[in-house]
Every structure is written in C-alpha cells, then in structure tokens.
Amino acid sequence: MIQTILRQSFGEHLAVNTILVFTLAVAATLNAWCLSAYL
C-alpha cells in the first residue's frame, strides 16, 4: 500500500520536474532568440 503511494507521488514529482525543465528550456531559448534578434 505504502509502496504504491510512494511510486505514485514519485511519478507526479517526475512529471512536475519535467514540465519545469521544459519551461526553463523554452524560456532560455526565447531569451536567446530575442537577444539575437535585437543585436
């Protein structure tokens, strides 16, 4: 019972981390693109 709960919460954390990393990567790419467009 506890193992399934831990596994489920771990999966949720993994999904949240993936979304965060993806968002940061998109933001960094947009930042670099805007900078290169202005330069």
N, C-alpha and C. Protein backbone atom coordinates (compact mmCIF):
# COMPACT_ATOMS: atom_id res chain seq x y z
N MET A 1 0.84 -1.20 0.00
CA MET A 1 0.00 0.00 0.00
C MET A 1 0.88 1.25 0.00
N ILE A 2 1.81 1.31 0.93
CA ILE A 2 2.69 2.49 1.03
C ILE A 2 3.57 2.59 -0.21
N GLN A 3 4.01 1.45 -0.72
CA GLN A 3 4.90 1.47 -1.89
C GLN A 3 4.20 2.06 -3.11
N THR A 4 2.93 1.72 -3.30
CA THR A 4 2.20 2.25 -4.45
C THR A 4 2.00 3.75 -4.31
N ILE A 5 1.75 4.22 -3.08
CA ILE A 5 1.58 5.66 -2.85
C ILE A 5 2.89 6.38 -3.13
N LEU A 6 4.01 5.81 -2.66
CA LEU A 6 5.31 6.42 -2.91
C LEU A 6 5.61 6.45 -4.40
N ARG A 7 5.31 5.35 -5.07
CA ARG A 7 5.58 5.28 -6.51
C ARG A 7 4.74 6.32 -7.26
N GLN A 8 3.48 6.49 -6.83
CA GLN A 8 2.60 7.45 -7.49
C GLN A 8 3.10 8.87 -7.28
N SER A 9 3.47 9.21 -6.04
CA SER A 9 3.96 10.56 -5.75
C SER A 9 5.28 10.81 -6.48
N PHE A 10 6.12 9.78 -6.59
CA PHE A 10 7.38 9.94 -7.31
C PHE A 10 7.12 10.24 -8.78
N GLY A 11 6.14 9.56 -9.35
CA GLY A 11 5.79 9.80 -10.74
C GLY A 11 5.28 11.22 -10.94
N GLU A 12 4.49 11.71 -9.98
CA GLU A 12 3.97 13.08 -10.07
C GLU A 12 5.11 14.08 -9.98
N HIS A 13 6.05 13.85 -9.05
CA HIS A 13 7.19 14.75 -8.92
C HIS A 13 8.01 14.75 -10.20
N LEU A 14 8.18 13.58 -10.79
CA LEU A 14 8.95 13.46 -12.03
C LEU A 14 8.28 14.26 -13.14
N ALA A 15 6.97 14.17 -13.21
CA ALA A 15 6.23 14.91 -14.24
C ALA A 15 6.37 16.41 -14.02
N VAL A 16 6.25 16.85 -12.77
CA VAL A 16 6.37 18.28 -12.46
C VAL A 16 7.77 18.77 -12.80
N ASN A 17 8.79 17.99 -12.44
CA ASN A 17 10.17 18.37 -12.74
C ASN A 17 10.39 18.46 -14.24
N THR A 18 9.82 17.51 -14.99
CA THR A 18 9.97 17.52 -16.45
C THR A 18 9.35 18.79 -17.03
N ILE A 19 8.16 19.15 -16.53
CA ILE A 19 7.48 20.36 -17.01
C ILE A 19 8.30 21.60 -16.68
N LEU A 20 8.87 21.63 -15.45
CA LEU A 20 9.69 22.77 -15.05
C LEU A 20 10.91 22.91 -15.94
N VAL A 21 11.61 21.80 -16.17
CA VAL A 21 12.81 21.83 -17.01
C VAL A 21 12.45 22.26 -18.42
N PHE A 22 11.34 21.73 -18.94
CA PHE A 22 10.90 22.07 -20.29
C PHE A 22 10.58 23.57 -20.39
N THR A 23 9.90 24.09 -19.36
CA THR A 23 9.55 25.52 -19.34
C THR A 23 10.80 26.38 -19.30
N LEU A 24 11.77 25.98 -18.47
CA LEU A 24 13.03 26.72 -18.39
C LEU A 24 13.77 26.70 -19.72
N ALA A 25 13.77 25.55 -20.38
CA ALA A 25 14.46 25.43 -21.66
C ALA A 25 13.79 26.33 -22.71
N VAL A 26 12.47 26.35 -22.73
CA VAL A 26 11.75 27.20 -23.68
C VAL A 26 12.03 28.67 -23.38
N ALA A 27 12.02 29.04 -22.10
CA ALA A 27 12.29 30.42 -21.72
C ALA A 27 13.69 30.83 -22.13
N ALA A 28 14.67 29.95 -21.90
CA ALA A 28 16.05 30.26 -22.27
C ALA A 28 16.19 30.40 -23.78
N THR A 29 15.51 29.54 -24.53
CA THR A 29 15.57 29.60 -25.99
C THR A 29 14.95 30.91 -26.49
N LEU A 30 13.80 31.27 -25.93
CA LEU A 30 13.15 32.53 -26.32
C LEU A 30 14.03 33.71 -25.97
N ASN A 31 14.67 33.65 -24.80
CA ASN A 31 15.57 34.72 -24.36
C ASN A 31 16.70 34.89 -25.37
N ALA A 32 17.36 33.80 -25.72
CA ALA A 32 18.48 33.86 -26.66
C ALA A 32 18.01 34.34 -28.03
N TRP A 33 16.83 33.89 -28.46
CA TRP A 33 16.30 34.29 -29.76
C TRP A 33 15.98 35.79 -29.79
N CYS A 34 15.38 36.30 -28.70
CA CYS A 34 15.07 37.73 -28.63
C CYS A 34 16.35 38.55 -28.60
N LEU A 35 17.35 38.10 -27.84
CA LEU A 35 18.62 38.83 -27.77
C LEU A 35 19.29 38.88 -29.13
N SER A 36 19.31 37.76 -29.83
CA SER A 36 19.96 37.72 -31.15
C SER A 36 19.17 38.56 -32.15
N ALA A 37 17.87 38.66 -31.97
CA ALA A 37 17.05 39.46 -32.88
C ALA A 37 17.32 40.95 -32.66
N TYR A 38 17.56 41.34 -31.41
CA TYR A 38 17.80 42.76 -31.12
C TYR A 38 19.22 43.18 -31.44
N LEU A 39 20.16 42.25 -31.39
CA LEU A 39 21.57 42.60 -31.64
C LEU A 39 21.85 42.79 -33.13
